[in-house]
N, C-alpha and C. Protein backbone atom coordinates (compact mmCIF):
# COMPACT_ATOMS: atom_id res chain seq x y z
N MET A 1 121.31 80.43 129.07
CA MET A 1 120.09 81.20 128.80
C MET A 1 119.63 81.00 127.36
N ILE A 2 120.58 81.02 126.41
CA ILE A 2 120.23 80.90 125.00
C ILE A 2 120.04 79.42 124.66
N GLY A 3 118.93 79.10 124.01
CA GLY A 3 118.65 77.71 123.68
C GLY A 3 118.78 77.43 122.20
N ALA A 4 118.35 76.26 121.81
CA ALA A 4 118.60 75.77 120.45
C ALA A 4 117.79 76.49 119.38
N VAL A 5 116.48 76.48 119.51
CA VAL A 5 115.62 76.94 118.41
C VAL A 5 114.82 78.16 118.85
N TYR A 6 114.93 79.19 118.03
CA TYR A 6 114.35 80.50 118.31
C TYR A 6 113.43 80.82 117.12
N VAL A 7 112.13 80.93 117.36
CA VAL A 7 111.17 81.12 116.27
C VAL A 7 110.71 82.57 116.23
N ILE A 8 110.73 83.13 115.04
CA ILE A 8 110.33 84.52 114.82
C ILE A 8 109.01 84.54 114.06
N THR A 9 108.06 85.28 114.56
CA THR A 9 106.74 85.32 113.93
C THR A 9 106.75 86.16 112.66
N ASP A 10 105.76 85.89 111.82
CA ASP A 10 105.63 86.59 110.54
C ASP A 10 104.15 86.90 110.33
N PRO A 11 103.77 88.18 110.35
CA PRO A 11 102.34 88.51 110.21
C PRO A 11 101.77 88.15 108.84
N ASP A 12 102.64 87.87 107.86
CA ASP A 12 102.17 87.52 106.53
C ASP A 12 102.08 86.01 106.31
N ALA A 13 102.41 85.24 107.33
CA ALA A 13 102.34 83.78 107.23
C ALA A 13 100.87 83.32 107.24
N PRO A 14 100.62 82.06 106.88
CA PRO A 14 99.23 81.58 106.80
C PRO A 14 98.50 81.52 108.13
N TYR A 15 99.22 81.52 109.24
CA TYR A 15 98.59 81.39 110.55
C TYR A 15 98.67 82.71 111.31
N ALA A 16 97.71 82.94 112.18
CA ALA A 16 97.75 84.13 113.03
C ALA A 16 99.03 84.14 113.86
N VAL A 17 99.56 85.32 114.13
CA VAL A 17 100.81 85.44 114.88
C VAL A 17 100.72 84.73 116.22
N ALA A 18 99.60 84.87 116.90
CA ALA A 18 99.45 84.21 118.20
C ALA A 18 99.53 82.70 118.06
N ASP A 19 98.93 82.16 117.00
CA ASP A 19 98.97 80.71 116.79
C ASP A 19 100.38 80.25 116.42
N GLN A 20 101.12 81.07 115.68
CA GLN A 20 102.52 80.75 115.38
C GLN A 20 103.32 80.62 116.68
N ALA A 21 103.14 81.59 117.55
CA ALA A 21 103.88 81.59 118.81
C ALA A 21 103.51 80.39 119.68
N ARG A 22 102.23 80.08 119.75
CA ARG A 22 101.79 78.93 120.56
C ARG A 22 102.36 77.63 120.03
N ALA A 23 102.32 77.47 118.71
CA ALA A 23 102.82 76.23 118.12
C ALA A 23 104.31 76.08 118.36
N ALA A 24 105.06 77.17 118.21
CA ALA A 24 106.51 77.13 118.45
C ALA A 24 106.81 76.77 119.90
N ALA A 25 106.04 77.33 120.81
CA ALA A 25 106.24 77.04 122.22
C ALA A 25 105.94 75.58 122.54
N ARG A 26 104.86 75.07 122.00
CA ARG A 26 104.52 73.66 122.23
C ARG A 26 105.58 72.74 121.62
N GLY A 27 106.19 73.19 120.53
CA GLY A 27 107.18 72.38 119.86
C GLY A 27 108.55 72.39 120.51
N GLY A 28 108.73 73.24 121.53
CA GLY A 28 109.99 73.22 122.27
C GLY A 28 110.95 74.34 121.98
N ALA A 29 110.51 75.39 121.29
CA ALA A 29 111.38 76.54 121.08
C ALA A 29 111.78 77.14 122.43
N TRP A 30 113.01 77.65 122.52
CA TRP A 30 113.40 78.28 123.80
C TRP A 30 112.85 79.69 123.89
N ALA A 31 112.59 80.31 122.71
CA ALA A 31 112.05 81.67 122.70
C ALA A 31 111.27 81.90 121.42
N VAL A 32 110.34 82.84 121.51
CA VAL A 32 109.58 83.31 120.35
C VAL A 32 109.78 84.82 120.26
N GLN A 33 110.13 85.26 119.07
CA GLN A 33 110.27 86.71 118.85
C GLN A 33 109.02 87.23 118.16
N LEU A 34 108.39 88.22 118.76
CA LEU A 34 107.20 88.85 118.21
C LEU A 34 107.66 89.97 117.28
N ARG A 35 107.55 89.72 115.98
CA ARG A 35 108.02 90.70 114.99
C ARG A 35 106.87 91.07 114.06
N ASP A 36 106.53 92.35 114.07
CA ASP A 36 105.49 92.88 113.19
C ASP A 36 105.78 94.36 112.98
N LYS A 37 106.22 94.71 111.80
CA LYS A 37 106.65 96.08 111.52
C LYS A 37 105.49 97.04 111.30
N THR A 38 104.27 96.52 111.12
CA THR A 38 103.16 97.41 110.76
C THR A 38 102.10 97.54 111.85
N ALA A 39 102.01 96.59 112.76
CA ALA A 39 100.98 96.66 113.81
C ALA A 39 101.25 97.84 114.73
N SER A 40 100.20 98.36 115.32
CA SER A 40 100.37 99.48 116.26
C SER A 40 100.99 98.98 117.56
N ASP A 41 101.59 99.91 118.29
CA ASP A 41 102.15 99.55 119.60
C ASP A 41 101.06 98.97 120.50
N ALA A 42 99.89 99.58 120.49
CA ALA A 42 98.81 99.13 121.37
C ALA A 42 98.41 97.69 121.06
N ASP A 43 98.30 97.38 119.77
CA ASP A 43 97.92 96.02 119.38
C ASP A 43 99.00 95.02 119.78
N LEU A 44 100.26 95.40 119.61
CA LEU A 44 101.35 94.49 119.96
C LEU A 44 101.46 94.30 121.47
N VAL A 45 101.22 95.35 122.22
CA VAL A 45 101.24 95.22 123.68
C VAL A 45 100.16 94.24 124.12
N ALA A 46 98.95 94.39 123.58
CA ALA A 46 97.85 93.50 123.96
C ALA A 46 98.19 92.06 123.60
N LEU A 47 98.74 91.84 122.40
CA LEU A 47 99.10 90.48 121.98
C LEU A 47 100.23 89.92 122.84
N ALA A 48 101.22 90.74 123.11
CA ALA A 48 102.36 90.28 123.92
C ALA A 48 101.91 89.88 125.32
N ARG A 49 100.99 90.60 125.90
CA ARG A 49 100.50 90.25 127.25
C ARG A 49 99.79 88.90 127.24
N ILE A 50 99.00 88.66 126.20
CA ILE A 50 98.31 87.36 126.08
C ILE A 50 99.34 86.24 125.95
N LEU A 51 100.33 86.45 125.08
CA LEU A 51 101.33 85.41 124.84
C LEU A 51 102.21 85.18 126.06
N MET A 52 102.54 86.23 126.77
CA MET A 52 103.36 86.06 127.98
C MET A 52 102.68 85.12 128.96
N ALA A 53 101.37 85.30 129.12
CA ALA A 53 100.63 84.46 130.07
C ALA A 53 100.61 83.00 129.63
N GLU A 54 100.65 82.76 128.32
CA GLU A 54 100.59 81.39 127.81
C GLU A 54 101.96 80.75 127.70
N LEU A 55 102.98 81.53 127.33
CA LEU A 55 104.32 80.98 127.11
C LEU A 55 105.10 80.77 128.39
N ALA A 56 104.89 81.65 129.36
CA ALA A 56 105.67 81.56 130.60
C ALA A 56 105.53 80.20 131.30
N PRO A 57 104.32 79.63 131.41
CA PRO A 57 104.21 78.33 132.07
C PRO A 57 104.96 77.21 131.32
N LEU A 58 105.23 77.43 130.03
CA LEU A 58 105.96 76.45 129.24
C LEU A 58 107.47 76.67 129.29
N GLY A 59 107.87 77.73 129.99
CA GLY A 59 109.29 78.04 130.08
C GLY A 59 109.86 78.67 128.82
N VAL A 60 109.00 79.25 128.00
CA VAL A 60 109.42 79.84 126.73
C VAL A 60 109.46 81.36 126.86
N LYS A 61 110.56 81.96 126.41
CA LYS A 61 110.73 83.41 126.50
C LYS A 61 110.02 84.11 125.34
N LEU A 62 109.47 85.28 125.62
CA LEU A 62 108.88 86.12 124.58
C LEU A 62 109.75 87.35 124.40
N ILE A 63 110.30 87.50 123.19
CA ILE A 63 111.17 88.63 122.85
C ILE A 63 110.44 89.51 121.85
N VAL A 64 110.46 90.82 122.06
CA VAL A 64 109.82 91.75 121.14
C VAL A 64 110.87 92.30 120.18
N ASN A 65 110.55 92.32 118.91
CA ASN A 65 111.46 92.87 117.91
C ASN A 65 111.31 94.38 117.82
N ASP A 66 112.41 95.08 118.01
CA ASP A 66 112.53 96.50 117.67
C ASP A 66 111.78 97.47 118.59
N ARG A 67 110.62 97.10 119.09
CA ARG A 67 109.75 98.06 119.79
C ARG A 67 110.03 98.06 121.29
N LEU A 68 110.90 98.93 121.72
CA LEU A 68 111.26 99.01 123.14
C LEU A 68 110.05 99.33 124.00
N GLU A 69 109.23 100.26 123.54
CA GLU A 69 108.06 100.66 124.34
C GLU A 69 107.09 99.49 124.51
N VAL A 70 106.96 98.67 123.47
CA VAL A 70 106.08 97.49 123.56
C VAL A 70 106.65 96.50 124.56
N ALA A 71 107.95 96.28 124.50
CA ALA A 71 108.58 95.34 125.43
C ALA A 71 108.38 95.81 126.87
N LEU A 72 108.53 97.09 127.10
CA LEU A 72 108.38 97.62 128.46
C LEU A 72 106.93 97.54 128.92
N ALA A 73 106.00 97.96 128.07
CA ALA A 73 104.59 98.03 128.47
C ALA A 73 103.98 96.64 128.67
N SER A 74 104.48 95.66 127.93
CA SER A 74 103.89 94.32 127.99
C SER A 74 104.53 93.45 129.05
N GLY A 75 105.71 93.85 129.53
CA GLY A 75 106.44 93.01 130.47
C GLY A 75 107.10 91.81 129.81
N ALA A 76 107.35 91.91 128.49
CA ALA A 76 107.98 90.81 127.75
C ALA A 76 109.33 90.48 128.34
N ASP A 77 109.82 89.29 128.00
CA ASP A 77 111.09 88.82 128.56
C ASP A 77 112.29 89.54 127.99
N GLY A 78 112.11 90.20 126.84
CA GLY A 78 113.26 90.88 126.27
C GLY A 78 112.95 91.61 124.99
N LEU A 79 114.02 92.11 124.38
CA LEU A 79 113.94 92.95 123.19
C LEU A 79 115.06 92.54 122.25
N HIS A 80 114.77 92.54 120.95
CA HIS A 80 115.81 92.34 119.95
C HIS A 80 115.83 93.54 119.02
N ILE A 81 117.02 94.10 118.80
CA ILE A 81 117.13 95.27 117.94
C ILE A 81 118.18 95.03 116.86
N GLY A 82 118.02 95.76 115.76
CA GLY A 82 118.98 95.70 114.67
C GLY A 82 120.02 96.79 114.82
N GLN A 83 120.93 96.84 113.86
CA GLN A 83 122.01 97.83 113.90
C GLN A 83 121.48 99.26 113.80
N GLY A 84 120.32 99.43 113.18
CA GLY A 84 119.78 100.77 113.02
C GLY A 84 118.58 101.07 113.90
N ASP A 85 118.39 100.27 114.94
CA ASP A 85 117.19 100.41 115.77
C ASP A 85 117.44 101.12 117.09
N GLY A 86 118.48 101.93 117.15
CA GLY A 86 118.72 102.68 118.38
C GLY A 86 119.93 102.16 119.15
N ASP A 87 120.24 102.83 120.22
CA ASP A 87 121.43 102.54 121.02
C ASP A 87 121.18 101.36 121.97
N PRO A 88 121.92 100.26 121.81
CA PRO A 88 121.72 99.12 122.69
C PRO A 88 121.97 99.45 124.16
N GLY A 89 122.92 100.34 124.43
CA GLY A 89 123.18 100.72 125.81
C GLY A 89 121.99 101.40 126.45
N ALA A 90 121.35 102.29 125.69
CA ALA A 90 120.15 102.97 126.20
C ALA A 90 119.00 101.98 126.38
N ALA A 91 118.88 101.04 125.44
CA ALA A 91 117.82 100.04 125.55
C ALA A 91 118.04 99.19 126.79
N ARG A 92 119.28 98.78 127.04
CA ARG A 92 119.57 97.99 128.24
C ARG A 92 119.23 98.77 129.50
N ALA A 93 119.56 100.05 129.53
CA ALA A 93 119.28 100.86 130.72
C ALA A 93 117.79 100.92 131.00
N ARG A 94 116.99 101.03 129.97
CA ARG A 94 115.55 101.12 130.16
C ARG A 94 114.92 99.76 130.46
N LEU A 95 115.46 98.71 129.85
CA LEU A 95 114.92 97.37 130.12
C LEU A 95 115.16 96.95 131.56
N GLY A 96 116.32 97.30 132.08
CA GLY A 96 116.66 96.91 133.44
C GLY A 96 117.22 95.51 133.50
N ALA A 97 117.65 95.14 134.68
CA ALA A 97 118.25 93.83 134.88
C ALA A 97 117.20 92.72 134.72
N GLY A 98 117.67 91.57 134.32
CA GLY A 98 116.78 90.41 134.23
C GLY A 98 116.05 90.26 132.92
N LYS A 99 116.14 91.25 132.04
CA LYS A 99 115.52 91.15 130.71
C LYS A 99 116.59 90.80 129.68
N ILE A 100 116.19 90.15 128.61
CA ILE A 100 117.10 89.72 127.56
C ILE A 100 117.20 90.80 126.49
N LEU A 101 118.43 91.09 126.06
CA LEU A 101 118.64 92.05 124.97
C LEU A 101 119.46 91.39 123.88
N GLY A 102 118.89 91.34 122.68
CA GLY A 102 119.59 90.79 121.52
C GLY A 102 119.89 91.87 120.51
N LEU A 103 120.96 91.67 119.75
CA LEU A 103 121.41 92.65 118.75
C LEU A 103 121.77 91.92 117.46
N SER A 104 121.29 92.41 116.34
CA SER A 104 121.65 91.82 115.05
C SER A 104 123.07 92.22 114.67
N VAL A 105 123.83 91.26 114.18
CA VAL A 105 125.20 91.50 113.72
C VAL A 105 125.35 90.86 112.35
N GLU A 106 125.87 91.64 111.41
CA GLU A 106 125.97 91.18 110.02
C GLU A 106 127.41 90.91 109.58
N THR A 107 128.39 91.43 110.32
CA THR A 107 129.79 91.23 109.96
C THR A 107 130.61 90.98 111.22
N ALA A 108 131.75 90.33 111.05
CA ALA A 108 132.63 90.09 112.18
C ALA A 108 133.14 91.40 112.76
N GLU A 109 133.29 92.42 111.91
CA GLU A 109 133.79 93.71 112.38
C GLU A 109 132.84 94.35 113.38
N GLN A 110 131.54 94.12 113.20
CA GLN A 110 130.56 94.70 114.12
C GLN A 110 130.67 94.11 115.52
N CYS A 111 131.32 92.95 115.66
CA CYS A 111 131.46 92.33 116.97
C CYS A 111 132.28 93.20 117.93
N ALA A 112 133.16 94.01 117.36
CA ALA A 112 134.00 94.86 118.21
C ALA A 112 133.18 95.94 118.90
N ALA A 113 131.99 96.22 118.37
CA ALA A 113 131.16 97.29 118.92
C ALA A 113 129.97 96.78 119.71
N ILE A 114 129.96 95.49 120.05
CA ILE A 114 128.86 94.98 120.86
C ILE A 114 129.01 95.54 122.27
N PRO A 115 128.06 96.36 122.72
CA PRO A 115 128.23 97.00 124.02
C PRO A 115 127.89 96.06 125.18
N SER A 116 128.36 96.42 126.32
CA SER A 116 127.99 95.70 127.54
C SER A 116 126.48 95.76 127.71
N GLY A 117 125.90 94.65 128.16
CA GLY A 117 124.45 94.62 128.35
C GLY A 117 123.72 93.84 127.29
N VAL A 118 124.38 93.57 126.15
CA VAL A 118 123.78 92.71 125.12
C VAL A 118 123.98 91.26 125.54
N ASP A 119 122.93 90.47 125.51
CA ASP A 119 122.97 89.08 125.98
C ASP A 119 123.29 88.08 124.88
N TYR A 120 122.89 88.37 123.66
CA TYR A 120 123.17 87.48 122.53
C TYR A 120 123.15 88.30 121.26
N ILE A 121 123.72 87.77 120.20
CA ILE A 121 123.62 88.41 118.89
C ILE A 121 122.89 87.49 117.93
N GLY A 122 122.16 88.09 117.01
CA GLY A 122 121.58 87.36 115.90
C GLY A 122 122.52 87.54 114.72
N ALA A 123 123.21 86.48 114.31
CA ALA A 123 124.25 86.56 113.29
C ALA A 123 123.73 86.09 111.94
N GLY A 124 123.84 86.96 110.95
CA GLY A 124 123.38 86.57 109.63
C GLY A 124 123.10 87.77 108.74
N PRO A 125 122.44 87.54 107.62
CA PRO A 125 121.80 86.28 107.24
C PRO A 125 122.79 85.24 106.72
N ILE A 126 122.53 83.98 107.08
CA ILE A 126 123.36 82.90 106.58
C ILE A 126 123.10 82.73 105.08
N ARG A 127 121.84 82.71 104.71
CA ARG A 127 121.44 82.64 103.30
C ARG A 127 120.47 83.79 103.01
N ALA A 128 120.25 84.04 101.73
CA ALA A 128 119.22 85.01 101.35
C ALA A 128 117.86 84.48 101.80
N THR A 129 116.99 85.40 102.22
CA THR A 129 115.67 84.99 102.70
C THR A 129 114.62 85.99 102.27
N ALA A 130 113.48 85.48 101.84
CA ALA A 130 112.40 86.34 101.36
C ALA A 130 111.65 87.01 102.51
N THR A 131 111.83 86.53 103.74
CA THR A 131 111.07 87.11 104.86
C THR A 131 111.63 88.46 105.27
N LYS A 132 112.84 88.80 104.80
CA LYS A 132 113.41 90.11 105.09
C LYS A 132 114.13 90.60 103.84
N PRO A 133 113.39 91.16 102.88
CA PRO A 133 113.97 91.52 101.58
C PRO A 133 115.13 92.51 101.66
N ASP A 134 115.18 93.33 102.72
CA ASP A 134 116.24 94.35 102.81
C ASP A 134 117.45 93.87 103.61
N HIS A 135 117.61 92.56 103.74
CA HIS A 135 118.70 92.04 104.55
C HIS A 135 120.06 92.33 103.91
N ALA A 136 121.09 92.23 104.74
CA ALA A 136 122.45 92.41 104.26
C ALA A 136 122.87 91.20 103.41
N ALA A 137 124.05 91.28 102.84
CA ALA A 137 124.55 90.18 102.02
C ALA A 137 124.71 88.92 102.86
N PRO A 138 124.32 87.77 102.33
CA PRO A 138 124.46 86.52 103.09
C PRO A 138 125.91 86.25 103.46
N ILE A 139 126.11 85.71 104.67
CA ILE A 139 127.47 85.49 105.16
C ILE A 139 127.89 84.03 105.09
N GLY A 140 126.94 83.11 104.91
CA GLY A 140 127.28 81.69 104.87
C GLY A 140 127.75 81.19 106.22
N PHE A 141 128.08 79.91 106.26
CA PHE A 141 128.53 79.32 107.53
C PHE A 141 129.95 79.75 107.89
N ASP A 142 130.75 80.07 106.88
CA ASP A 142 132.10 80.58 107.18
C ASP A 142 132.01 81.95 107.85
N GLY A 143 131.12 82.78 107.35
CA GLY A 143 130.93 84.08 107.97
C GLY A 143 130.37 83.96 109.38
N LEU A 144 129.47 83.00 109.56
CA LEU A 144 128.94 82.75 110.91
C LEU A 144 130.06 82.36 111.86
N ALA A 145 130.95 81.49 111.40
CA ALA A 145 132.05 81.05 112.25
C ALA A 145 132.94 82.22 112.64
N ARG A 146 133.19 83.13 111.71
CA ARG A 146 134.02 84.30 112.03
C ARG A 146 133.34 85.18 113.08
N ILE A 147 132.04 85.37 112.93
CA ILE A 147 131.31 86.19 113.90
C ILE A 147 131.27 85.52 115.26
N ALA A 148 130.94 84.22 115.28
CA ALA A 148 130.86 83.50 116.56
C ALA A 148 132.19 83.52 117.29
N ALA A 149 133.28 83.44 116.54
CA ALA A 149 134.61 83.44 117.16
C ALA A 149 134.96 84.79 117.77
N ARG A 150 134.45 85.86 117.20
CA ARG A 150 134.80 87.21 117.67
C ARG A 150 133.80 87.77 118.67
N SER A 151 132.62 87.17 118.77
CA SER A 151 131.60 87.70 119.68
C SER A 151 131.86 87.25 121.12
N ARG A 152 131.70 88.18 122.05
CA ARG A 152 131.88 87.83 123.47
C ARG A 152 130.59 87.32 124.10
N VAL A 153 129.51 87.29 123.30
CA VAL A 153 128.23 86.76 123.78
C VAL A 153 127.77 85.68 122.81
N PRO A 154 126.84 84.80 123.22
CA PRO A 154 126.39 83.74 122.33
C PRO A 154 125.81 84.28 121.02
N ALA A 155 126.08 83.56 119.94
CA ALA A 155 125.57 83.93 118.62
C ALA A 155 124.45 82.97 118.23
N VAL A 156 123.35 83.54 117.73
CA VAL A 156 122.24 82.76 117.20
C VAL A 156 122.21 82.99 115.70
N ALA A 157 122.34 81.93 114.92
CA ALA A 157 122.35 82.04 113.46
C ALA A 157 120.95 82.31 112.94
N ILE A 158 120.87 83.12 111.88
CA ILE A 158 119.57 83.44 111.30
C ILE A 158 119.72 83.67 109.80
N GLY A 159 118.65 83.40 109.07
CA GLY A 159 118.63 83.71 107.65
C GLY A 159 118.56 82.50 106.76
N GLY A 160 117.35 82.10 106.36
CA GLY A 160 117.18 81.01 105.42
C GLY A 160 117.49 79.64 105.97
N LEU A 161 117.40 79.48 107.29
CA LEU A 161 117.76 78.21 107.93
C LEU A 161 116.56 77.30 108.10
N GLY A 162 116.83 75.99 108.20
CA GLY A 162 115.77 75.02 108.40
C GLY A 162 116.36 73.67 108.71
N LEU A 163 115.57 72.61 108.51
CA LEU A 163 116.05 71.26 108.76
C LEU A 163 117.30 70.98 107.92
N GLY A 164 118.26 70.32 108.52
CA GLY A 164 119.51 70.03 107.85
C GLY A 164 120.62 71.01 108.18
N ASP A 165 120.28 72.10 108.88
CA ASP A 165 121.27 73.13 109.16
C ASP A 165 121.84 73.09 110.57
N ALA A 166 121.30 72.27 111.45
CA ALA A 166 121.76 72.28 112.84
C ALA A 166 123.25 71.96 112.94
N GLN A 167 123.69 70.95 112.22
CA GLN A 167 125.10 70.54 112.35
C GLN A 167 126.07 71.62 111.88
N PRO A 168 125.89 72.22 110.69
CA PRO A 168 126.82 73.28 110.31
C PRO A 168 126.73 74.51 111.20
N VAL A 169 125.55 74.80 111.72
CA VAL A 169 125.42 75.93 112.65
C VAL A 169 126.21 75.66 113.93
N ARG A 170 126.08 74.46 114.47
CA ARG A 170 126.82 74.11 115.68
C ARG A 170 128.33 74.08 115.43
N ARG A 171 128.73 73.55 114.27
CA ARG A 171 130.15 73.49 113.93
C ARG A 171 130.75 74.90 113.84
N ALA A 172 129.93 75.84 113.41
CA ALA A 172 130.40 77.23 113.29
C ALA A 172 130.53 77.92 114.64
N GLY A 173 130.05 77.28 115.69
CA GLY A 173 130.20 77.85 117.02
C GLY A 173 129.01 78.63 117.53
N ALA A 174 127.88 78.54 116.83
CA ALA A 174 126.68 79.27 117.28
C ALA A 174 125.97 78.51 118.39
N ALA A 175 125.25 79.26 119.21
CA ALA A 175 124.54 78.67 120.34
C ALA A 175 123.13 78.21 119.99
N GLY A 176 122.67 78.60 118.81
CA GLY A 176 121.32 78.23 118.40
C GLY A 176 121.04 78.76 117.02
N LEU A 177 119.83 78.49 116.53
CA LEU A 177 119.43 79.01 115.23
C LEU A 177 118.03 79.59 115.32
N ALA A 178 117.83 80.69 114.59
CA ALA A 178 116.54 81.35 114.54
C ALA A 178 115.90 81.09 113.18
N VAL A 179 114.62 80.82 113.19
CA VAL A 179 113.92 80.49 111.95
C VAL A 179 112.60 81.25 111.87
N VAL A 180 112.19 81.48 110.64
CA VAL A 180 110.88 82.06 110.38
C VAL A 180 110.09 81.07 109.52
N SER A 181 110.36 81.07 108.22
CA SER A 181 109.58 80.27 107.28
C SER A 181 109.59 78.78 107.58
N ALA A 182 110.72 78.28 108.09
CA ALA A 182 110.83 76.84 108.35
C ALA A 182 109.84 76.35 109.39
N VAL A 183 109.25 77.28 110.13
CA VAL A 183 108.23 76.93 111.11
C VAL A 183 106.88 77.54 110.77
N VAL A 184 106.83 78.83 110.52
CA VAL A 184 105.52 79.50 110.42
C VAL A 184 104.88 79.40 109.04
N ARG A 185 105.61 78.86 108.05
CA ARG A 185 105.04 78.74 106.70
C ARG A 185 104.98 77.28 106.24
N VAL A 186 104.90 76.37 107.19
CA VAL A 186 104.76 74.95 106.85
C VAL A 186 103.42 74.45 107.39
N PRO A 187 102.96 73.28 106.94
CA PRO A 187 101.62 72.81 107.33
C PRO A 187 101.42 72.64 108.83
N ASP A 188 102.46 72.23 109.58
CA ASP A 188 102.30 72.03 111.02
C ASP A 188 103.48 72.67 111.75
N PRO A 189 103.35 73.92 112.18
CA PRO A 189 104.46 74.62 112.83
C PRO A 189 104.96 73.94 114.11
N GLU A 190 104.06 73.33 114.86
CA GLU A 190 104.50 72.66 116.09
C GLU A 190 105.41 71.48 115.77
N VAL A 191 105.00 70.66 114.82
CA VAL A 191 105.82 69.51 114.41
C VAL A 191 107.15 69.99 113.84
N ALA A 192 107.13 71.05 113.06
CA ALA A 192 108.35 71.58 112.46
C ALA A 192 109.32 72.06 113.54
N THR A 193 108.80 72.73 114.55
CA THR A 193 109.65 73.19 115.65
C THR A 193 110.26 72.01 116.38
N ARG A 194 109.44 71.02 116.66
CA ARG A 194 109.92 69.84 117.39
C ARG A 194 111.02 69.12 116.60
N ALA A 195 110.86 69.06 115.28
CA ALA A 195 111.88 68.41 114.44
C ALA A 195 113.19 69.18 114.48
N LEU A 196 113.12 70.50 114.47
CA LEU A 196 114.33 71.31 114.55
C LEU A 196 115.04 71.14 115.89
N VAL A 197 114.24 71.10 116.96
CA VAL A 197 114.82 70.91 118.30
C VAL A 197 115.50 69.55 118.39
N GLN A 198 114.86 68.52 117.87
CA GLN A 198 115.43 67.18 117.91
C GLN A 198 116.72 67.11 117.09
N GLU A 199 116.70 67.73 115.92
CA GLU A 199 117.90 67.74 115.08
C GLU A 199 119.05 68.45 115.78
N TRP A 200 118.75 69.53 116.46
CA TRP A 200 119.80 70.26 117.18
C TRP A 200 120.42 69.39 118.26
N ARG A 201 119.58 68.69 118.96
CA ARG A 201 120.08 67.82 120.05
C ARG A 201 120.98 66.71 119.52
N GLN A 202 120.70 66.27 118.31
CA GLN A 202 121.46 65.17 117.74
C GLN A 202 122.69 65.62 116.96
N ALA A 203 122.76 66.91 116.68
CA ALA A 203 123.86 67.44 115.83
C ALA A 203 125.20 67.35 116.57
């Protein structure tokens, strides 16, 4: 279920969020995460419904960050939550079967508390990143390896990643890598996504 390249949108990037998602999908991302901490639920639901109709024919999953109600109302493919975004068990119960649930994990110790119903973890940050100023301390590839080894579900690496990182991410045991700036803040997000996918395949 979990694929190589997972692109997370950024409302402060040079391109509209919808265009970021479309470019990532055309470039071969397995999933796009719709992340916007300031937009209203209504606006995100409307955007998610548009993107679902466009991404589904391409086989690309749409995951909503943090907003369970948005994920439910839009019919998105899944939800990703952080350690402080509510009870994963309750989120799984409301999402129902067939939807994807991701959980952020920052330390190997947190792996012991991954509840049943979580499909993957977002492990990181690998490096410091400006797209999330309040992130936890970077864990590096050694920290990623410790988390991947202790997690009972696939780990997706996140945090300051881009071209050149596929091989160390795979060596650490992760199932994929999630990126923001490496795709949505470059001149051609579609080409950038395709390059990341190709690098992953060759790693």
